[in-house]
N, C-alpha and C. Protein backbone atom coordinates (compact mmCIF):
# COMPACT_ATOMS: atom_id res chain seq x y z
N MET A 1 -10.43 -22.53 9.19
CA MET A 1 -9.74 -21.57 10.04
C MET A 1 -8.26 -21.57 9.71
N GLY A 2 -7.65 -20.42 9.92
CA GLY A 2 -6.22 -20.28 9.67
C GLY A 2 -5.40 -20.50 10.93
N ALA A 3 -4.18 -20.00 10.87
CA ALA A 3 -3.26 -20.13 12.00
C ALA A 3 -3.73 -19.27 13.17
N ARG A 4 -3.27 -19.64 14.35
CA ARG A 4 -3.59 -18.85 15.54
C ARG A 4 -2.97 -17.46 15.44
N THR A 5 -3.68 -16.50 15.95
CA THR A 5 -3.20 -15.12 15.96
C THR A 5 -2.69 -14.78 17.35
N ASP A 6 -1.54 -14.10 17.39
CA ASP A 6 -1.03 -13.59 18.66
C ASP A 6 -0.62 -12.14 18.44
N LEU A 7 -0.12 -11.51 19.47
CA LEU A 7 0.22 -10.10 19.38
C LEU A 7 1.32 -9.83 18.35
N PHE A 8 2.22 -10.78 18.15
CA PHE A 8 3.29 -10.59 17.18
C PHE A 8 2.76 -10.68 15.75
N VAL A 9 1.82 -11.56 15.51
CA VAL A 9 1.19 -11.65 14.19
C VAL A 9 0.41 -10.37 13.91
N LEU A 10 -0.34 -9.90 14.91
CA LEU A 10 -1.09 -8.66 14.76
C LEU A 10 -0.16 -7.48 14.49
N THR A 11 1.01 -7.51 15.09
CA THR A 11 2.01 -6.47 14.86
C THR A 11 2.46 -6.50 13.41
N MET A 12 2.78 -7.68 12.90
CA MET A 12 3.24 -7.82 11.53
C MET A 12 2.15 -7.44 10.52
N LEU A 13 0.90 -7.66 10.89
CA LEU A 13 -0.21 -7.31 10.01
C LEU A 13 -0.60 -5.83 10.10
N GLY A 14 0.06 -5.10 10.99
CA GLY A 14 -0.20 -3.67 11.12
C GLY A 14 -1.52 -3.34 11.80
N LYS A 15 -1.96 -4.18 12.70
CA LYS A 15 -3.21 -3.95 13.44
C LYS A 15 -2.93 -2.97 14.60
N THR A 16 -2.67 -1.73 14.22
CA THR A 16 -2.19 -0.71 15.14
C THR A 16 -3.09 -0.52 16.36
N SER A 17 -4.38 -0.40 16.16
CA SER A 17 -5.26 -0.10 17.30
C SER A 17 -5.26 -1.22 18.32
N ILE A 18 -5.23 -2.47 17.87
CA ILE A 18 -5.22 -3.60 18.79
C ILE A 18 -3.89 -3.65 19.56
N VAL A 19 -2.79 -3.57 18.82
CA VAL A 19 -1.46 -3.68 19.43
C VAL A 19 -1.20 -2.49 20.35
N LYS A 20 -1.56 -1.30 19.91
CA LYS A 20 -1.35 -0.10 20.72
C LYS A 20 -2.12 -0.18 22.04
N THR A 21 -3.36 -0.60 21.97
CA THR A 21 -4.18 -0.74 23.18
C THR A 21 -3.55 -1.72 24.15
N TYR A 22 -3.08 -2.84 23.63
CA TYR A 22 -2.45 -3.85 24.48
C TYR A 22 -1.18 -3.31 25.12
N LEU A 23 -0.33 -2.66 24.33
CA LEU A 23 0.94 -2.16 24.85
C LEU A 23 0.75 -1.02 25.84
N GLU A 24 -0.32 -0.27 25.68
CA GLU A 24 -0.60 0.78 26.67
C GLU A 24 -1.04 0.16 27.99
N ALA A 25 -1.75 -0.95 27.93
CA ALA A 25 -2.18 -1.63 29.14
C ALA A 25 -1.05 -2.42 29.79
N PHE A 26 -0.15 -2.96 28.97
CA PHE A 26 0.95 -3.79 29.45
C PHE A 26 2.26 -3.31 28.82
N PRO A 27 2.78 -2.14 29.23
CA PRO A 27 3.95 -1.55 28.57
C PRO A 27 5.21 -2.41 28.62
N GLY A 28 5.36 -3.24 29.62
CA GLY A 28 6.54 -4.10 29.70
C GLY A 28 6.60 -5.12 28.58
N TYR A 29 5.46 -5.39 27.99
CA TYR A 29 5.40 -6.38 26.91
C TYR A 29 6.11 -5.90 25.65
N LEU A 30 6.36 -4.60 25.54
CA LEU A 30 7.07 -4.05 24.38
C LEU A 30 8.42 -4.71 24.18
N HIS A 31 9.02 -5.17 25.26
CA HIS A 31 10.35 -5.78 25.19
C HIS A 31 10.30 -7.30 25.15
N ALA A 32 9.10 -7.85 25.02
CA ALA A 32 8.96 -9.31 24.95
C ALA A 32 9.45 -9.81 23.60
N ARG A 33 9.72 -11.09 23.57
CA ARG A 33 10.12 -11.73 22.31
C ARG A 33 9.06 -12.76 21.95
N GLY A 34 8.79 -12.82 20.67
CA GLY A 34 7.78 -13.74 20.18
C GLY A 34 8.39 -15.04 19.70
N PRO A 35 7.72 -15.69 18.76
CA PRO A 35 8.22 -16.94 18.22
C PRO A 35 9.65 -16.80 17.69
N HIS A 36 10.43 -17.78 17.96
CA HIS A 36 11.82 -17.83 17.50
C HIS A 36 12.68 -16.73 18.10
N GLY A 37 12.21 -16.10 19.17
CA GLY A 37 13.00 -15.07 19.84
C GLY A 37 12.99 -13.72 19.15
N LEU A 38 12.10 -13.55 18.19
CA LEU A 38 12.05 -12.29 17.43
C LEU A 38 11.24 -11.24 18.18
N THR A 39 11.67 -10.00 18.06
CA THR A 39 11.10 -8.88 18.80
C THR A 39 9.94 -8.22 18.06
N PHE A 40 9.28 -7.30 18.76
CA PHE A 40 8.23 -6.51 18.12
C PHE A 40 8.79 -5.72 16.94
N LEU A 41 9.97 -5.14 17.12
CA LEU A 41 10.55 -4.34 16.05
C LEU A 41 10.76 -5.19 14.81
N HIS A 42 11.25 -6.40 14.99
CA HIS A 42 11.44 -7.30 13.84
C HIS A 42 10.09 -7.57 13.14
N HIS A 43 9.08 -7.90 13.92
CA HIS A 43 7.78 -8.21 13.34
C HIS A 43 7.17 -7.01 12.62
N VAL A 44 7.26 -5.84 13.21
CA VAL A 44 6.65 -4.66 12.59
C VAL A 44 7.42 -4.27 11.32
N GLN A 45 8.71 -4.47 11.29
CA GLN A 45 9.47 -4.18 10.08
C GLN A 45 9.09 -5.12 8.94
N LYS A 46 8.75 -6.35 9.25
CA LYS A 46 8.31 -7.31 8.24
C LYS A 46 6.92 -6.97 7.71
N GLY A 47 6.19 -6.13 8.43
CA GLY A 47 4.83 -5.76 8.01
C GLY A 47 4.77 -4.77 6.88
N GLY A 48 5.89 -4.15 6.55
CA GLY A 48 5.94 -3.22 5.43
C GLY A 48 4.99 -2.05 5.59
N ASP A 49 4.38 -1.66 4.47
CA ASP A 49 3.49 -0.49 4.46
C ASP A 49 2.29 -0.66 5.39
N ASP A 50 1.79 -1.89 5.53
CA ASP A 50 0.63 -2.12 6.39
C ASP A 50 0.93 -1.79 7.85
N ALA A 51 2.19 -1.89 8.22
CA ALA A 51 2.58 -1.70 9.63
C ALA A 51 3.33 -0.39 9.87
N LYS A 52 3.33 0.50 8.90
CA LYS A 52 4.12 1.73 9.02
C LYS A 52 3.71 2.58 10.23
N LYS A 53 2.42 2.77 10.45
CA LYS A 53 1.97 3.57 11.60
C LYS A 53 2.35 2.89 12.92
N LEU A 54 2.27 1.59 12.93
CA LEU A 54 2.64 0.85 14.13
C LEU A 54 4.15 0.93 14.37
N LEU A 55 4.94 0.91 13.32
CA LEU A 55 6.39 1.08 13.45
C LEU A 55 6.71 2.43 14.10
N GLU A 56 6.06 3.47 13.63
CA GLU A 56 6.28 4.81 14.20
C GLU A 56 5.89 4.84 15.68
N TYR A 57 4.79 4.19 16.01
CA TYR A 57 4.35 4.15 17.40
C TYR A 57 5.36 3.41 18.28
N ILE A 58 5.80 2.25 17.83
CA ILE A 58 6.74 1.44 18.62
C ILE A 58 8.07 2.17 18.79
N GLN A 59 8.55 2.78 17.73
CA GLN A 59 9.80 3.53 17.84
C GLN A 59 9.61 4.74 18.75
N GLY A 60 8.45 5.35 18.72
CA GLY A 60 8.15 6.47 19.61
C GLY A 60 8.13 6.07 21.08
N ARG A 61 7.87 4.79 21.33
CA ARG A 61 7.90 4.26 22.70
C ARG A 61 9.33 3.93 23.13
N GLY A 62 10.30 4.15 22.24
CA GLY A 62 11.70 3.97 22.61
C GLY A 62 12.33 2.65 22.19
N LEU A 63 11.63 1.85 21.42
CA LEU A 63 12.20 0.57 20.98
C LEU A 63 13.02 0.80 19.73
N LYS A 64 14.33 0.78 19.90
CA LYS A 64 15.26 1.01 18.80
C LYS A 64 16.42 0.05 18.95
N GLU A 65 16.26 -1.14 18.44
CA GLU A 65 17.32 -2.13 18.56
C GLU A 65 18.06 -2.26 17.23
N THR A 66 19.26 -2.75 17.31
CA THR A 66 20.04 -2.93 16.09
C THR A 66 20.34 -4.40 15.81
N LYS A 67 20.13 -5.27 16.79
CA LYS A 67 20.39 -6.68 16.62
C LYS A 67 19.18 -7.48 17.05
N LEU A 68 19.00 -8.63 16.42
CA LEU A 68 17.90 -9.50 16.82
C LEU A 68 18.26 -10.34 18.02
N GLY A 69 19.52 -10.51 18.29
CA GLY A 69 19.93 -11.27 19.44
C GLY A 69 19.67 -12.76 19.33
N LEU A 70 19.72 -13.28 18.12
CA LEU A 70 19.48 -14.71 17.93
C LEU A 70 20.73 -15.51 18.13
């Protein structure tokens, strides 16, 4: 078995349907921070092409940050 999967890992892997379903059920979670204080936007940007649709979805929900706040 590999590492544990969480919503931030799924975001980075571009698992759009899973992440989208979760965020629709728990919209406040969009502003949560994952490991090391990194945001959804940071994780989805690291996902590259695999996460492109998810990036568009997250930005469409209004998440547009310019700093990581670390």
